[in-house]
Amino acid sequence: SHNPKRRPARLRARLQQLAEAGMPMSDVPGDD
């Protein structure tokens, strides 16, 4: 991203929002 210093904190805040909404984490098929 254009602002890598801020990205981890922003993603963790979004992840917390997803968790609080009861969003189940389910991996997707991808390259090993």
All heavy atoms as atom14 arrays in JSON, in Angstrom:
{
  "sequence": "SHNPKRRPARLRARLQQLAEAGMPMSDVPGDD",
  "atom14_mask": [
    [1, 1, 1, 1, 1, 1, 0, 0, 0, 0, 0, 0, 0, 0],
    [1, 1, 1, 1, 1, 1, 1, 1, 1, 1, 0, 0, 0, 0],
    [1, 1, 1, 1, 1, 1, 1, 1, 0, 0, 0, 0, 0, 0],
    [1, 1, 1, 1, 1, 1, 1, 0, 0, 0, 0, 0, 0, 0],
    [1, 1, 1, 1, 1, 1, 1, 1, 1, 0, 0, 0, 0, 0],
    [1, 1, 1, 1, 1, 1, 1, 1, 1, 1, 1, 0, 0, 0],
    [1, 1, 1, 1, 1, 1, 1, 1, 1, 1, 1, 0, 0, 0],
    [1, 1, 1, 1, 1, 1, 1, 0, 0, 0, 0, 0, 0, 0],
    [1, 1, 1, 1, 1, 0, 0, 0, 0, 0, 0, 0, 0, 0],
    [1, 1, 1, 1, 1, 1, 1, 1, 1, 1, 1, 0, 0, 0],
    [1, 1, 1, 1, 1, 1, 1, 1, 0, 0, 0, 0, 0, 0],
    [1, 1, 1, 1, 1, 1, 1, 1, 1, 1, 1, 0, 0, 0],
    [1, 1, 1, 1, 1, 0, 0, 0, 0, 0, 0, 0, 0, 0],
    [1, 1, 1, 1, 1, 1, 1, 1, 1, 1, 1, 0, 0, 0],
    [1, 1, 1, 1, 1, 1, 1, 1, 0, 0, 0, 0, 0, 0],
    [1, 1, 1, 1, 1, 1, 1, 1, 1, 0, 0, 0, 0, 0],
    [1, 1, 1, 1, 1, 1, 1, 1, 1, 0, 0, 0, 0, 0],
    [1, 1, 1, 1, 1, 1, 1, 1, 0, 0, 0, 0, 0, 0],
    [1, 1, 1, 1, 1, 0, 0, 0, 0, 0, 0, 0, 0, 0],
    [1, 1, 1, 1, 1, 1, 1, 1, 1, 0, 0, 0, 0, 0],
    [1, 1, 1, 1, 1, 0, 0, 0, 0, 0, 0, 0, 0, 0],
    [1, 1, 1, 1, 0, 0, 0, 0, 0, 0, 0, 0, 0, 0],
    [1, 1, 1, 1, 1, 1, 1, 1, 0, 0, 0, 0, 0, 0],
    [1, 1, 1, 1, 1, 1, 1, 0, 0, 0, 0, 0, 0, 0],
    [1, 1, 1, 1, 1, 1, 1, 1, 0, 0, 0, 0, 0, 0],
    [1, 1, 1, 1, 1, 1, 0, 0, 0, 0, 0, 0, 0, 0],
    [1, 1, 1, 1, 1, 1, 1, 1, 0, 0, 0, 0, 0, 0],
    [1, 1, 1, 1, 1, 1, 1, 0, 0, 0, 0, 0, 0, 0],
    [1, 1, 1, 1, 1, 1, 1, 0, 0, 0, 0, 0, 0, 0],
    [1, 1, 1, 1, 0, 0, 0, 0, 0, 0, 0, 0, 0, 0],
    [1, 1, 1, 1, 1, 1, 1, 1, 0, 0, 0, 0, 0, 0],
    [1, 1, 1, 1, 1, 1, 1, 1, 0, 0, 0, 0, 0, 0]
  ],
  "atom14_positions": [
    [[0.85, -1.2, 0.0], [0.0, 0.0, 0.0], [0.87, 1.24, 0.0], [2.1, 1.19, 0.19], [-0.98, 0.03, 1.17], [-0.42, 0.6, 2.34], [0.0, 0.0, 0.0], [0.0, 0.0, 0.0], [0.0, 0.0, 0.0], [0.0, 0.0, 0.0], [0.0, 0.0, 0.0], [0.0, 0.0, 0.0], [0.0, 0.0, 0.0], [0.0, 0.0, 0.0]],
    [[0.22, 2.41, -0.18], [0.97, 3.67, -0.25], [1.44, 4.1, 1.13], [2.28, 5.0, 1.26], [0.08, 4.77, -0.86], [-0.99, 5.27, 0.07], [-2.18, 4.61, 0.23], [-1.04, 6.36, 0.88], [-2.93, 5.27, 1.1], [-2.26, 6.32, 1.52], [0.0, 0.0, 0.0], [0.0, 0.0, 0.0], [0.0, 0.0, 0.0], [0.0, 0.0, 0.0]],
    [[0.91, 3.46, 2.2], [1.29, 3.84, 3.56], [1.5, 2.59, 4.4], [0.69, 2.26, 5.27], [0.2, 4.73, 4.16], [0.66, 5.41, 5.44], [1.76, 5.16, 5.92], [-0.18, 6.27, 5.99], [0.0, 0.0, 0.0], [0.0, 0.0, 0.0], [0.0, 0.0, 0.0], [0.0, 0.0, 0.0], [0.0, 0.0, 0.0], [0.0, 0.0, 0.0]],
    [[2.61, 1.87, 4.17], [2.83, 0.6, 4.86], [2.97, 0.71, 6.38], [2.72, -0.25, 7.1], [4.13, 0.07, 4.23], [4.79, 1.26, 3.62], [3.68, 2.18, 3.2], [0.0, 0.0, 0.0], [0.0, 0.0, 0.0], [0.0, 0.0, 0.0], [0.0, 0.0, 0.0], [0.0, 0.0, 0.0], [0.0, 0.0, 0.0], [0.0, 0.0, 0.0]],
    [[3.37, 1.88, 6.88], [3.51, 2.04, 8.33], [2.16, 1.92, 9.03], [2.06, 1.42, 10.15], [4.15, 3.39, 8.65], [5.62, 3.5, 8.27], [6.2, 4.85, 8.68], [7.67, 4.94, 8.31], [8.24, 6.26, 8.69], [0.0, 0.0, 0.0], [0.0, 0.0, 0.0], [0.0, 0.0, 0.0], [0.0, 0.0, 0.0], [0.0, 0.0, 0.0]],
    [[1.12, 2.42, 8.38], [-0.2, 2.41, 8.98], [-1.0, 1.14, 8.68], [-1.94, 0.81, 9.38], [-0.99, 3.62, 8.47], [-0.64, 4.93, 9.13], [-1.44, 5.09, 10.4], [-2.87, 5.24, 10.11], [-3.84, 4.96, 10.96], [-3.55, 4.51, 12.15], [-5.11, 5.13, 10.62], [0.0, 0.0, 0.0], [0.0, 0.0, 0.0], [0.0, 0.0, 0.0]],
    [[-0.61, 0.42, 7.64], [-1.45, -0.69, 7.17], [-1.69, -1.77, 8.22], [-2.85, -2.18, 8.41], [-0.85, -1.29, 5.89], [-1.66, -2.47, 5.37], [-1.26, -2.86, 3.96], [-1.86, -4.12, 3.57], [-3.13, -4.27, 3.19], [-3.93, -3.23, 3.17], [-3.58, -5.45, 2.84], [0.0, 0.0, 0.0], [0.0, 0.0, 0.0], [0.0, 0.0, 0.0]],
    [[-0.68, -2.29, 8.94], [-0.96, -3.36, 9.9], [-2.01, -2.96, 10.95], [-2.92, -3.75, 11.25], [0.41, -3.61, 10.54], [1.39, -3.2, 9.5], [0.77, -2.0, 8.84], [0.0, 0.0, 0.0], [0.0, 0.0, 0.0], [0.0, 0.0, 0.0], [0.0, 0.0, 0.0], [0.0, 0.0, 0.0], [0.0, 0.0, 0.0], [0.0, 0.0, 0.0]],
    [[-1.89, -1.75, 11.49], [-2.85, -1.31, 12.51], [-4.25, -1.2, 11.93], [-5.25, -1.56, 12.58], [-2.41, 0.02, 13.11], [0.0, 0.0, 0.0], [0.0, 0.0, 0.0], [0.0, 0.0, 0.0], [0.0, 0.0, 0.0], [0.0, 0.0, 0.0], [0.0, 0.0, 0.0], [0.0, 0.0, 0.0], [0.0, 0.0, 0.0], [0.0, 0.0, 0.0]],
    [[-4.35, -0.69, 10.72], [-5.66, -0.55, 10.09], [-6.29, -1.91, 9.83], [-7.49, -2.11, 10.04], [-5.52, 0.22, 8.78], [-5.16, 1.69, 8.95], [-4.77, 2.33, 7.64], [-5.85, 2.27, 6.68], [-5.69, 2.47, 5.37], [-4.49, 2.73, 4.89], [-6.71, 2.42, 4.56], [0.0, 0.0, 0.0], [0.0, 0.0, 0.0], [0.0, 0.0, 0.0]],
    [[-5.47, -2.88, 9.37], [-6.0, -4.22, 9.11], [-6.43, -4.9, 10.41], [-7.46, -5.59, 10.44], [-4.95, -5.06, 8.39], [-4.7, -4.74, 6.92], [-3.61, -5.65, 6.36], [-5.97, -4.87, 6.09], [0.0, 0.0, 0.0], [0.0, 0.0, 0.0], [0.0, 0.0, 0.0], [0.0, 0.0, 0.0], [0.0, 0.0, 0.0], [0.0, 0.0, 0.0]],
    [[-5.68, -4.7, 11.47], [-6.05, -5.33, 12.75], [-7.36, -4.74, 13.28], [-8.17, -5.46, 13.88], [-4.93, -5.17, 13.77], [-3.68, -5.96, 13.4], [-2.67, -6.07, 14.52], [-1.45, -6.69, 14.03], [-1.31, -7.98, 13.77], [-2.32, -8.8, 13.96], [-0.16, -8.45, 13.31], [0.0, 0.0, 0.0], [0.0, 0.0, 0.0], [0.0, 0.0, 0.0]],
    [[-7.55, -3.44, 13.05], [-8.81, -2.83, 13.47], [-9.99, -3.41, 12.69], [-11.06, -3.69, 13.25], [-8.74, -1.31, 13.28], [0.0, 0.0, 0.0], [0.0, 0.0, 0.0], [0.0, 0.0, 0.0], [0.0, 0.0, 0.0], [0.0, 0.0, 0.0], [0.0, 0.0, 0.0], [0.0, 0.0, 0.0], [0.0, 0.0, 0.0], [0.0, 0.0, 0.0]],
    [[-9.78, -3.63, 11.4], [-10.83, -4.25, 10.58], [-11.07, -5.7, 10.99], [-12.21, -6.17, 11.03], [-10.45, -4.21, 9.11], [-10.51, -2.84, 8.46], [-10.34, -2.99, 6.96], [-9.71, -1.84, 6.36], [-9.16, -1.84, 5.16], [-9.14, -2.94, 4.45], [-8.62, -0.73, 4.67], [0.0, 0.0, 0.0], [0.0, 0.0, 0.0], [0.0, 0.0, 0.0]],
    [[-9.98, -6.42, 11.29], [-10.11, -7.81, 11.71], [-10.9, -7.91, 13.0], [-11.73, -8.81, 13.18], [-8.72, -8.43, 11.88], [-8.68, -9.94, 12.16], [-9.33, -10.72, 11.03], [-7.23, -10.4, 12.36], [0.0, 0.0, 0.0], [0.0, 0.0, 0.0], [0.0, 0.0, 0.0], [0.0, 0.0, 0.0], [0.0, 0.0, 0.0], [0.0, 0.0, 0.0]],
    [[-10.66, -6.98, 13.91], [-11.41, -6.93, 15.16], [-12.9, -6.69, 14.89], [-13.77, -7.3, 15.52], [-10.86, -5.81, 16.06], [-11.57, -5.65, 17.4], [-11.4, -6.84, 18.31], [-10.41, -7.59, 18.19], [-12.34, -7.07, 19.21], [0.0, 0.0, 0.0], [0.0, 0.0, 0.0], [0.0, 0.0, 0.0], [0.0, 0.0, 0.0], [0.0, 0.0, 0.0]],
    [[-13.18, -5.81, 13.93], [-14.57, -5.53, 13.56], [-15.24, -6.78, 13.0], [-16.41, -7.06, 13.3], [-14.61, -4.39, 12.53], [-16.01, -3.88, 12.21], [-15.98, -2.67, 11.3], [-14.93, -2.04, 11.1], [-17.11, -2.31, 10.74], [0.0, 0.0, 0.0], [0.0, 0.0, 0.0], [0.0, 0.0, 0.0], [0.0, 0.0, 0.0], [0.0, 0.0, 0.0]],
    [[-14.52, -7.52, 12.18], [-15.05, -8.76, 11.62], [-15.31, -9.78, 12.74], [-16.35, -10.47, 12.74], [-14.08, -9.35, 10.61], [-13.9, -8.59, 9.29], [-12.7, -9.14, 8.51], [-15.17, -8.69, 8.44], [0.0, 0.0, 0.0], [0.0, 0.0, 0.0], [0.0, 0.0, 0.0], [0.0, 0.0, 0.0], [0.0, 0.0, 0.0], [0.0, 0.0, 0.0]],
    [[-14.37, -9.88, 13.69], [-14.51, -10.84, 14.79], [-15.7, -10.48, 15.67], [-16.46, -11.37, 16.1], [-13.23, -10.88, 15.61], [0.0, 0.0, 0.0], [0.0, 0.0, 0.0], [0.0, 0.0, 0.0], [0.0, 0.0, 0.0], [0.0, 0.0, 0.0], [0.0, 0.0, 0.0], [0.0, 0.0, 0.0], [0.0, 0.0, 0.0], [0.0, 0.0, 0.0]],
    [[-15.87, -9.2, 15.96], [-16.97, -8.76, 16.81], [-18.32, -9.03, 16.16], [-19.33, -9.18, 16.85], [-16.83, -7.27, 17.13], [-15.67, -6.96, 18.06], [-15.46, -5.47, 18.26], [-16.14, -4.67, 17.57], [-14.62, -5.1, 19.1], [0.0, 0.0, 0.0], [0.0, 0.0, 0.0], [0.0, 0.0, 0.0], [0.0, 0.0, 0.0], [0.0, 0.0, 0.0]],
    [[-18.33, -9.09, 14.83], [-19.57, -9.38, 14.11], [-19.81, -10.88, 13.98], [-20.78, -11.32, 13.36], [-19.53, -8.74, 12.72], [0.0, 0.0, 0.0], [0.0, 0.0, 0.0], [0.0, 0.0, 0.0], [0.0, 0.0, 0.0], [0.0, 0.0, 0.0], [0.0, 0.0, 0.0], [0.0, 0.0, 0.0], [0.0, 0.0, 0.0], [0.0, 0.0, 0.0]],
    [[-18.88, -11.68, 14.57], [-19.04, -13.13, 14.53], [-18.64, -13.75, 13.21], [-19.09, -14.84, 12.86], [0.0, 0.0, 0.0], [0.0, 0.0, 0.0], [0.0, 0.0, 0.0], [0.0, 0.0, 0.0], [0.0, 0.0, 0.0], [0.0, 0.0, 0.0], [0.0, 0.0, 0.0], [0.0, 0.0, 0.0], [0.0, 0.0, 0.0], [0.0, 0.0, 0.0]],
    [[-17.77, -13.05, 12.47], [-17.35, -13.54, 11.15], [-16.4, -14.72, 11.32], [-15.31, -14.58, 11.88], [-16.64, -12.4, 10.42], [-16.14, -12.76, 9.04], [-17.47, -12.81, 7.85], [-16.66, -13.68, 6.5], [0.0, 0.0, 0.0], [0.0, 0.0, 0.0], [0.0, 0.0, 0.0], [0.0, 0.0, 0.0], [0.0, 0.0, 0.0], [0.0, 0.0, 0.0]],
    [[-16.75, -15.9, 10.83], [-15.86, -17.05, 10.95], [-14.71, -16.95, 9.97], [-14.89, -16.54, 8.82], [-16.76, -18.24, 10.61], [-17.8, -17.66, 9.7], [-18.02, -16.25, 10.16], [0.0, 0.0, 0.0], [0.0, 0.0, 0.0], [0.0, 0.0, 0.0], [0.0, 0.0, 0.0], [0.0, 0.0, 0.0], [0.0, 0.0, 0.0], [0.0, 0.0, 0.0]],
    [[-13.5, -17.28, 10.42], [-12.34, -17.27, 9.55], [-12.28, -18.59, 8.8], [-12.21, -19.66, 9.41], [-11.05, -17.07, 10.35], [-10.99, -15.75, 11.11], [-10.94, -14.33, 10.0], [-12.17, -13.28, 10.75], [0.0, 0.0, 0.0], [0.0, 0.0, 0.0], [0.0, 0.0, 0.0], [0.0, 0.0, 0.0], [0.0, 0.0, 0.0], [0.0, 0.0, 0.0]],
    [[-12.35, -18.55, 7.48], [-12.28, -19.78, 6.68], [-11.33, -19.56, 5.53], [-11.56, -18.71, 4.68], [-13.67, -20.14, 6.15], [-14.23, -19.06, 5.43], [0.0, 0.0, 0.0], [0.0, 0.0, 0.0], [0.0, 0.0, 0.0], [0.0, 0.0, 0.0], [0.0, 0.0, 0.0], [0.0, 0.0, 0.0], [0.0, 0.0, 0.0], [0.0, 0.0, 0.0]],
    [[-10.25, -20.3, 5.51], [-9.22, -20.09, 4.5], [-9.74, -20.43, 3.11], [-10.7, -21.18, 2.95], [-8.0, -20.96, 4.82], [-6.69, -20.25, 4.46], [-6.74, -19.35, 3.61], [-5.66, -20.62, 5.04], [0.0, 0.0, 0.0], [0.0, 0.0, 0.0], [0.0, 0.0, 0.0], [0.0, 0.0, 0.0], [0.0, 0.0, 0.0], [0.0, 0.0, 0.0]],
    [[-9.06, -19.88, 2.11], [-9.45, -20.14, 0.72], [-8.33, -20.91, 0.03], [-7.16, -20.77, 0.39], [-9.72, -18.82, -0.04], [-10.94, -18.15, 0.51], [-8.51, -17.91, 0.0], [0.0, 0.0, 0.0], [0.0, 0.0, 0.0], [0.0, 0.0, 0.0], [0.0, 0.0, 0.0], [0.0, 0.0, 0.0], [0.0, 0.0, 0.0], [0.0, 0.0, 0.0]],
    [[-8.68, -21.72, -0.96], [-7.63, -22.46, -1.69], [-6.67, -21.49, -2.37], [-7.09, -20.48, -2.95], [-8.43, -23.26, -2.73], [-9.83, -23.3, -2.22], [-10.02, -22.03, -1.45], [0.0, 0.0, 0.0], [0.0, 0.0, 0.0], [0.0, 0.0, 0.0], [0.0, 0.0, 0.0], [0.0, 0.0, 0.0], [0.0, 0.0, 0.0], [0.0, 0.0, 0.0]],
    [[-5.41, -21.78, -2.29], [-4.43, -20.92, -2.94], [-3.16, -21.68, -3.18], [-3.0, -22.84, -2.79], [0.0, 0.0, 0.0], [0.0, 0.0, 0.0], [0.0, 0.0, 0.0], [0.0, 0.0, 0.0], [0.0, 0.0, 0.0], [0.0, 0.0, 0.0], [0.0, 0.0, 0.0], [0.0, 0.0, 0.0], [0.0, 0.0, 0.0], [0.0, 0.0, 0.0]],
    [[-2.21, -21.04, -3.82], [-0.91, -21.61, -4.07], [-0.21, -21.9, -2.75], [-0.27, -21.11, -1.81], [-0.08, -20.62, -4.91], [1.16, -21.27, -5.49], [1.97, -21.77, -4.7], [1.31, -21.25, -6.72], [0.0, 0.0, 0.0], [0.0, 0.0, 0.0], [0.0, 0.0, 0.0], [0.0, 0.0, 0.0], [0.0, 0.0, 0.0], [0.0, 0.0, 0.0]],
    [[0.45, -23.03, -2.64], [1.13, -23.4, -1.4], [2.2, -22.41, -0.99], [2.59, -22.34, 0.17], [1.76, -24.79, -1.53], [0.71, -25.88, -1.61], [-0.43, -25.63, -1.15], [1.02, -26.98, -2.13], [0.0, 0.0, 0.0], [0.0, 0.0, 0.0], [0.0, 0.0, 0.0], [0.0, 0.0, 0.0], [0.0, 0.0, 0.0], [0.0, 0.0, 0.0]]
  ]
}
